[in-house]
Amino acid sequence: MLEQEVKIMTTAELQEKLAKGENLELIDVREDEEVAQGVIPGVKHIPMGQIPERMSELDPEKEYIFICRSGRRSENVCYYLQDQGYKCVNMVGGMLEWEGDREIPS
């Protein structure tokens, strides 16, 4: 069985959707020390290694946009969750290419 391609979104597309006020489910899968340097406002933080045990926090009916530093880890998370029946989008380019607002999590 072929793995289904992961849907992707660029940082610019995400910025545009947020600017329009779209209600999006954003999940940052970076490690704590990376997240401490700034996140997209409104993002939920679940480190990649915690995804399997925290899947119950995700609603299989919703589509989630996954974010990491470059787009590689979030892509892997998308493949994993898609196999479990979740709807996923990978933000390609990650936070390296993000030019929108950032907030420092408390």
N, C-alpha and C. Protein backbone atom coordinates (compact mmCIF):
# COMPACT_ATOMS: atom_id res chain seq x y z
N MET A 1 0.84 -1.20 0.00
CA MET A 1 0.00 0.00 0.00
C MET A 1 0.88 1.25 0.00
N LEU A 2 0.59 2.15 -0.90
CA LEU A 2 1.36 3.39 -0.98
C LEU A 2 0.95 4.36 0.12
N GLU A 3 1.94 5.03 0.71
CA GLU A 3 1.61 6.06 1.70
C GLU A 3 0.96 7.22 0.97
N GLN A 4 -0.11 7.71 1.55
CA GLN A 4 -0.79 8.85 0.96
C GLN A 4 0.06 10.10 1.15
N GLU A 5 0.16 10.90 0.09
CA GLU A 5 0.92 12.15 0.18
C GLU A 5 0.36 13.03 1.30
N VAL A 6 1.25 13.75 1.95
CA VAL A 6 0.83 14.69 2.98
C VAL A 6 0.50 16.02 2.31
N LYS A 7 -0.63 16.60 2.70
CA LYS A 7 -0.98 17.94 2.19
C LYS A 7 0.04 18.93 2.76
N ILE A 8 0.36 19.93 1.94
CA ILE A 8 1.32 20.94 2.42
C ILE A 8 0.73 22.34 2.30
N MET A 9 1.30 23.24 3.08
CA MET A 9 0.92 24.66 3.06
C MET A 9 2.21 25.43 3.25
N THR A 10 2.37 26.50 2.51
CA THR A 10 3.57 27.33 2.70
C THR A 10 3.36 28.27 3.87
N THR A 11 4.45 28.84 4.34
CA THR A 11 4.35 29.80 5.45
C THR A 11 3.52 31.00 5.01
N ALA A 12 3.67 31.42 3.76
CA ALA A 12 2.91 32.57 3.26
C ALA A 12 1.41 32.26 3.22
N GLU A 13 1.06 31.04 2.79
CA GLU A 13 -0.36 30.66 2.76
C GLU A 13 -0.96 30.65 4.17
N LEU A 14 -0.18 30.15 5.12
CA LEU A 14 -0.67 30.11 6.50
C LEU A 14 -0.84 31.53 7.04
N GLN A 15 0.13 32.38 6.76
CA GLN A 15 0.05 33.77 7.22
C GLN A 15 -1.21 34.44 6.67
N GLU A 16 -1.50 34.19 5.40
CA GLU A 16 -2.67 34.76 4.75
C GLU A 16 -3.96 34.29 5.43
N LYS A 17 -4.05 32.99 5.70
CA LYS A 17 -5.24 32.43 6.36
C LYS A 17 -5.42 33.03 7.75
N LEU A 18 -4.32 33.17 8.49
CA LEU A 18 -4.41 33.75 9.83
C LEU A 18 -4.81 35.22 9.76
N ALA A 19 -4.29 35.93 8.77
CA ALA A 19 -4.62 37.35 8.60
C ALA A 19 -6.11 37.53 8.30
N LYS A 20 -6.70 36.55 7.62
CA LYS A 20 -8.14 36.60 7.32
C LYS A 20 -8.98 36.18 8.51
N GLY A 21 -8.31 35.76 9.58
CA GLY A 21 -9.03 35.37 10.77
C GLY A 21 -9.59 33.95 10.73
N GLU A 22 -9.05 33.12 9.82
CA GLU A 22 -9.52 31.73 9.77
C GLU A 22 -9.16 31.01 11.06
N ASN A 23 -10.09 30.18 11.52
CA ASN A 23 -9.87 29.42 12.75
C ASN A 23 -9.15 28.12 12.39
N LEU A 24 -7.86 28.07 12.69
CA LEU A 24 -7.03 26.93 12.29
C LEU A 24 -6.50 26.21 13.52
N GLU A 25 -6.29 24.92 13.36
CA GLU A 25 -5.70 24.10 14.43
C GLU A 25 -4.22 23.95 14.13
N LEU A 26 -3.38 24.68 14.86
CA LEU A 26 -1.93 24.66 14.63
C LEU A 26 -1.24 23.89 15.75
N ILE A 27 -0.33 22.99 15.36
CA ILE A 27 0.42 22.24 16.37
C ILE A 27 1.91 22.33 16.04
N ASP A 28 2.67 22.81 17.02
CA ASP A 28 4.13 22.93 16.89
C ASP A 28 4.75 21.69 17.53
N VAL A 29 5.54 20.94 16.76
CA VAL A 29 6.11 19.69 17.27
C VAL A 29 7.59 19.83 17.65
N ARG A 30 8.07 21.06 17.74
CA ARG A 30 9.48 21.27 18.11
C ARG A 30 9.69 20.99 19.60
N GLU A 31 10.94 20.91 19.98
CA GLU A 31 11.29 20.69 21.39
C GLU A 31 11.10 21.98 22.19
N ASP A 32 11.03 21.82 23.52
CA ASP A 32 10.78 22.96 24.42
C ASP A 32 11.74 24.12 24.19
N GLU A 33 13.04 23.82 24.05
CA GLU A 33 14.02 24.90 23.91
C GLU A 33 13.85 25.65 22.58
N GLU A 34 13.34 24.97 21.55
CA GLU A 34 13.09 25.64 20.27
C GLU A 34 11.85 26.53 20.39
N VAL A 35 10.83 26.01 21.02
CA VAL A 35 9.57 26.75 21.19
C VAL A 35 9.80 28.00 22.03
N ALA A 36 10.73 27.93 22.98
CA ALA A 36 11.02 29.07 23.85
C ALA A 36 11.51 30.28 23.05
N GLN A 37 11.97 30.06 21.82
CA GLN A 37 12.46 31.17 20.99
C GLN A 37 11.33 31.84 20.21
N GLY A 38 10.12 31.32 20.34
CA GLY A 38 8.98 31.96 19.69
C GLY A 38 8.14 30.98 18.90
N VAL A 39 6.83 31.18 18.99
CA VAL A 39 5.87 30.34 18.27
C VAL A 39 4.87 31.23 17.54
N ILE A 40 4.16 30.62 16.61
CA ILE A 40 3.06 31.33 15.95
C ILE A 40 1.95 31.50 16.98
N PRO A 41 1.40 32.70 17.16
CA PRO A 41 0.35 32.90 18.16
C PRO A 41 -0.82 31.93 17.97
N GLY A 42 -1.27 31.35 19.08
CA GLY A 42 -2.41 30.45 19.04
C GLY A 42 -2.06 29.00 18.79
N VAL A 43 -0.78 28.70 18.65
CA VAL A 43 -0.36 27.33 18.36
C VAL A 43 -0.42 26.47 19.62
N LYS A 44 -0.66 25.19 19.44
CA LYS A 44 -0.60 24.23 20.55
C LYS A 44 0.75 23.54 20.43
N HIS A 45 1.44 23.33 21.55
CA HIS A 45 2.76 22.71 21.51
C HIS A 45 2.66 21.26 21.98
N ILE A 46 2.99 20.33 21.07
CA ILE A 46 3.13 18.91 21.44
C ILE A 46 4.45 18.44 20.81
N PRO A 47 5.50 18.28 21.61
CA PRO A 47 6.77 17.82 21.04
C PRO A 47 6.58 16.52 20.26
N MET A 48 7.32 16.38 19.17
CA MET A 48 7.17 15.23 18.29
C MET A 48 7.16 13.90 19.05
N GLY A 49 8.07 13.74 20.01
CA GLY A 49 8.16 12.49 20.76
C GLY A 49 6.95 12.18 21.61
N GLN A 50 6.12 13.19 21.88
CA GLN A 50 4.93 12.97 22.72
C GLN A 50 3.66 12.73 21.91
N ILE A 51 3.75 12.85 20.58
CA ILE A 51 2.56 12.69 19.73
C ILE A 51 1.82 11.37 20.00
N PRO A 52 2.52 10.21 20.01
CA PRO A 52 1.77 8.96 20.20
C PRO A 52 0.92 8.92 21.47
N GLU A 53 1.47 9.38 22.60
CA GLU A 53 0.69 9.30 23.84
C GLU A 53 -0.29 10.46 24.01
N ARG A 54 -0.20 11.47 23.15
CA ARG A 54 -1.11 12.62 23.30
C ARG A 54 -2.12 12.71 22.15
N MET A 55 -2.22 11.64 21.35
CA MET A 55 -3.17 11.65 20.23
C MET A 55 -4.61 11.85 20.69
N SER A 56 -4.91 11.47 21.93
CA SER A 56 -6.27 11.64 22.44
C SER A 56 -6.66 13.12 22.53
N GLU A 57 -5.67 14.02 22.50
CA GLU A 57 -5.95 15.47 22.53
C GLU A 57 -6.38 15.98 21.15
N LEU A 58 -6.24 15.13 20.13
CA LEU A 58 -6.58 15.54 18.77
C LEU A 58 -7.92 14.96 18.36
N ASP A 59 -8.68 15.75 17.60
CA ASP A 59 -9.99 15.33 17.12
C ASP A 59 -9.84 14.84 15.67
N PRO A 60 -10.13 13.55 15.41
CA PRO A 60 -9.97 13.03 14.04
C PRO A 60 -10.84 13.76 13.00
N GLU A 61 -11.83 14.52 13.46
CA GLU A 61 -12.71 15.25 12.53
C GLU A 61 -12.09 16.58 12.09
N LYS A 62 -11.11 17.06 12.84
CA LYS A 62 -10.51 18.37 12.53
C LYS A 62 -9.25 18.18 11.69
N GLU A 63 -8.90 19.22 10.95
CA GLU A 63 -7.65 19.21 10.19
C GLU A 63 -6.62 20.02 10.98
N TYR A 64 -5.44 19.44 11.14
CA TYR A 64 -4.37 20.08 11.90
C TYR A 64 -3.22 20.46 10.99
N ILE A 65 -2.65 21.62 11.27
CA ILE A 65 -1.48 22.09 10.54
C ILE A 65 -0.28 21.92 11.48
N PHE A 66 0.68 21.11 11.03
CA PHE A 66 1.84 20.81 11.87
C PHE A 66 3.05 21.65 11.46
N ILE A 67 3.78 22.10 12.49
CA ILE A 67 4.87 23.06 12.32
C ILE A 67 6.10 22.55 13.07
N CYS A 68 7.27 22.69 12.46
CA CYS A 68 8.53 22.44 13.17
C CYS A 68 9.54 23.47 12.70
N ARG A 69 10.82 23.20 12.87
CA ARG A 69 11.83 24.18 12.50
C ARG A 69 11.94 24.33 10.99
N SER A 70 12.00 23.19 10.27
CA SER A 70 12.23 23.26 8.83
C SER A 70 11.12 22.62 7.99
N GLY A 71 10.26 21.83 8.62
CA GLY A 71 9.21 21.13 7.89
C GLY A 71 9.44 19.64 7.80
N ARG A 72 10.58 19.15 8.24
CA ARG A 72 10.92 17.72 8.15
C ARG A 72 10.23 16.91 9.26
N ARG A 73 10.39 17.32 10.51
CA ARG A 73 9.76 16.57 11.61
C ARG A 73 8.24 16.63 11.50
N SER A 74 7.72 17.82 11.15
CA SER A 74 6.25 17.93 11.03
C SER A 74 5.74 17.05 9.91
N GLU A 75 6.52 16.88 8.84
CA GLU A 75 6.12 15.98 7.76
C GLU A 75 6.03 14.53 8.28
N ASN A 76 7.02 14.13 9.07
CA ASN A 76 7.00 12.77 9.64
C ASN A 76 5.80 12.57 10.55
N VAL A 77 5.49 13.60 11.36
CA VAL A 77 4.31 13.52 12.23
C VAL A 77 3.04 13.38 11.37
N CYS A 78 2.96 14.12 10.28
CA CYS A 78 1.80 14.04 9.39
C CYS A 78 1.63 12.63 8.83
N TYR A 79 2.71 12.03 8.35
CA TYR A 79 2.62 10.66 7.83
C TYR A 79 2.12 9.71 8.92
N TYR A 80 2.68 9.84 10.12
CA TYR A 80 2.30 8.98 11.23
C TYR A 80 0.81 9.13 11.56
N LEU A 81 0.37 10.38 11.72
CA LEU A 81 -1.03 10.62 12.12
C LEU A 81 -2.00 10.28 11.00
N GLN A 82 -1.62 10.51 9.75
CA GLN A 82 -2.49 10.13 8.63
C GLN A 82 -2.76 8.63 8.67
N ASP A 83 -1.72 7.86 8.98
CA ASP A 83 -1.89 6.41 9.09
C ASP A 83 -2.87 6.04 10.19
N GLN A 84 -3.02 6.92 11.18
CA GLN A 84 -3.96 6.68 12.29
C GLN A 84 -5.35 7.27 11.99
N GLY A 85 -5.50 7.85 10.81
CA GLY A 85 -6.81 8.37 10.42
C GLY A 85 -7.03 9.85 10.67
N TYR A 86 -5.96 10.60 10.98
CA TYR A 86 -6.10 12.04 11.23
C TYR A 86 -5.88 12.83 9.95
N LYS A 87 -6.45 14.05 9.93
CA LYS A 87 -6.29 14.96 8.79
C LYS A 87 -5.15 15.93 9.11
N CYS A 88 -4.13 15.91 8.27
CA CYS A 88 -2.92 16.68 8.57
C CYS A 88 -2.46 17.52 7.38
N VAL A 89 -1.87 18.66 7.71
CA VAL A 89 -1.22 19.51 6.72
C VAL A 89 0.16 19.85 7.28
N ASN A 90 1.18 19.77 6.44
CA ASN A 90 2.53 20.12 6.88
C ASN A 90 2.87 21.53 6.40
N MET A 91 3.31 22.39 7.32
CA MET A 91 3.77 23.72 6.93
C MET A 91 5.22 23.58 6.45
N VAL A 92 5.41 23.63 5.12
CA VAL A 92 6.76 23.47 4.56
C VAL A 92 7.57 24.74 4.82
N GLY A 93 8.87 24.52 5.06
CA GLY A 93 9.74 25.66 5.35
C GLY A 93 9.87 25.91 6.84
N GLY A 94 8.85 25.48 7.60
CA GLY A 94 8.88 25.59 9.05
C GLY A 94 9.12 27.00 9.56
N MET A 95 9.54 27.06 10.81
CA MET A 95 9.77 28.35 11.46
C MET A 95 10.97 29.08 10.87
N LEU A 96 11.84 28.36 10.15
CA LEU A 96 12.97 29.02 9.48
C LEU A 96 12.47 30.03 8.45
N GLU A 97 11.32 29.71 7.82
CA GLU A 97 10.78 30.59 6.78
C GLU A 97 9.61 31.44 7.26
N TRP A 98 9.18 31.26 8.50
CA TRP A 98 8.03 32.00 9.02
C TRP A 98 8.38 33.47 9.20
N GLU A 99 7.60 34.36 8.58
CA GLU A 99 7.87 35.79 8.70
C GLU A 99 6.75 36.52 9.44
N GLY A 100 5.76 35.77 9.88
CA GLY A 100 4.63 36.38 10.58
C GLY A 100 4.93 36.64 12.04
N ASP A 101 3.86 36.94 12.79
CA ASP A 101 3.98 37.22 14.20
C ASP A 101 4.51 36.00 14.95
N ARG A 102 5.22 36.29 16.02
CA ARG A 102 5.69 35.25 16.94
C ARG A 102 5.39 35.72 18.35
N GLU A 103 5.17 34.75 19.22
CA GLU A 103 5.04 35.10 20.62
C GLU A 103 5.92 34.14 21.42
N ILE A 104 6.39 34.61 22.54
CA ILE A 104 7.20 33.78 23.42
C ILE A 104 6.23 33.12 24.40
N PRO A 105 6.18 31.77 24.40
CA PRO A 105 5.23 31.11 25.31
C PRO A 105 5.59 31.35 26.78
N SER A 106 4.57 31.45 27.60
CA SER A 106 4.84 31.72 29.04
C SER A 106 5.23 30.44 29.75
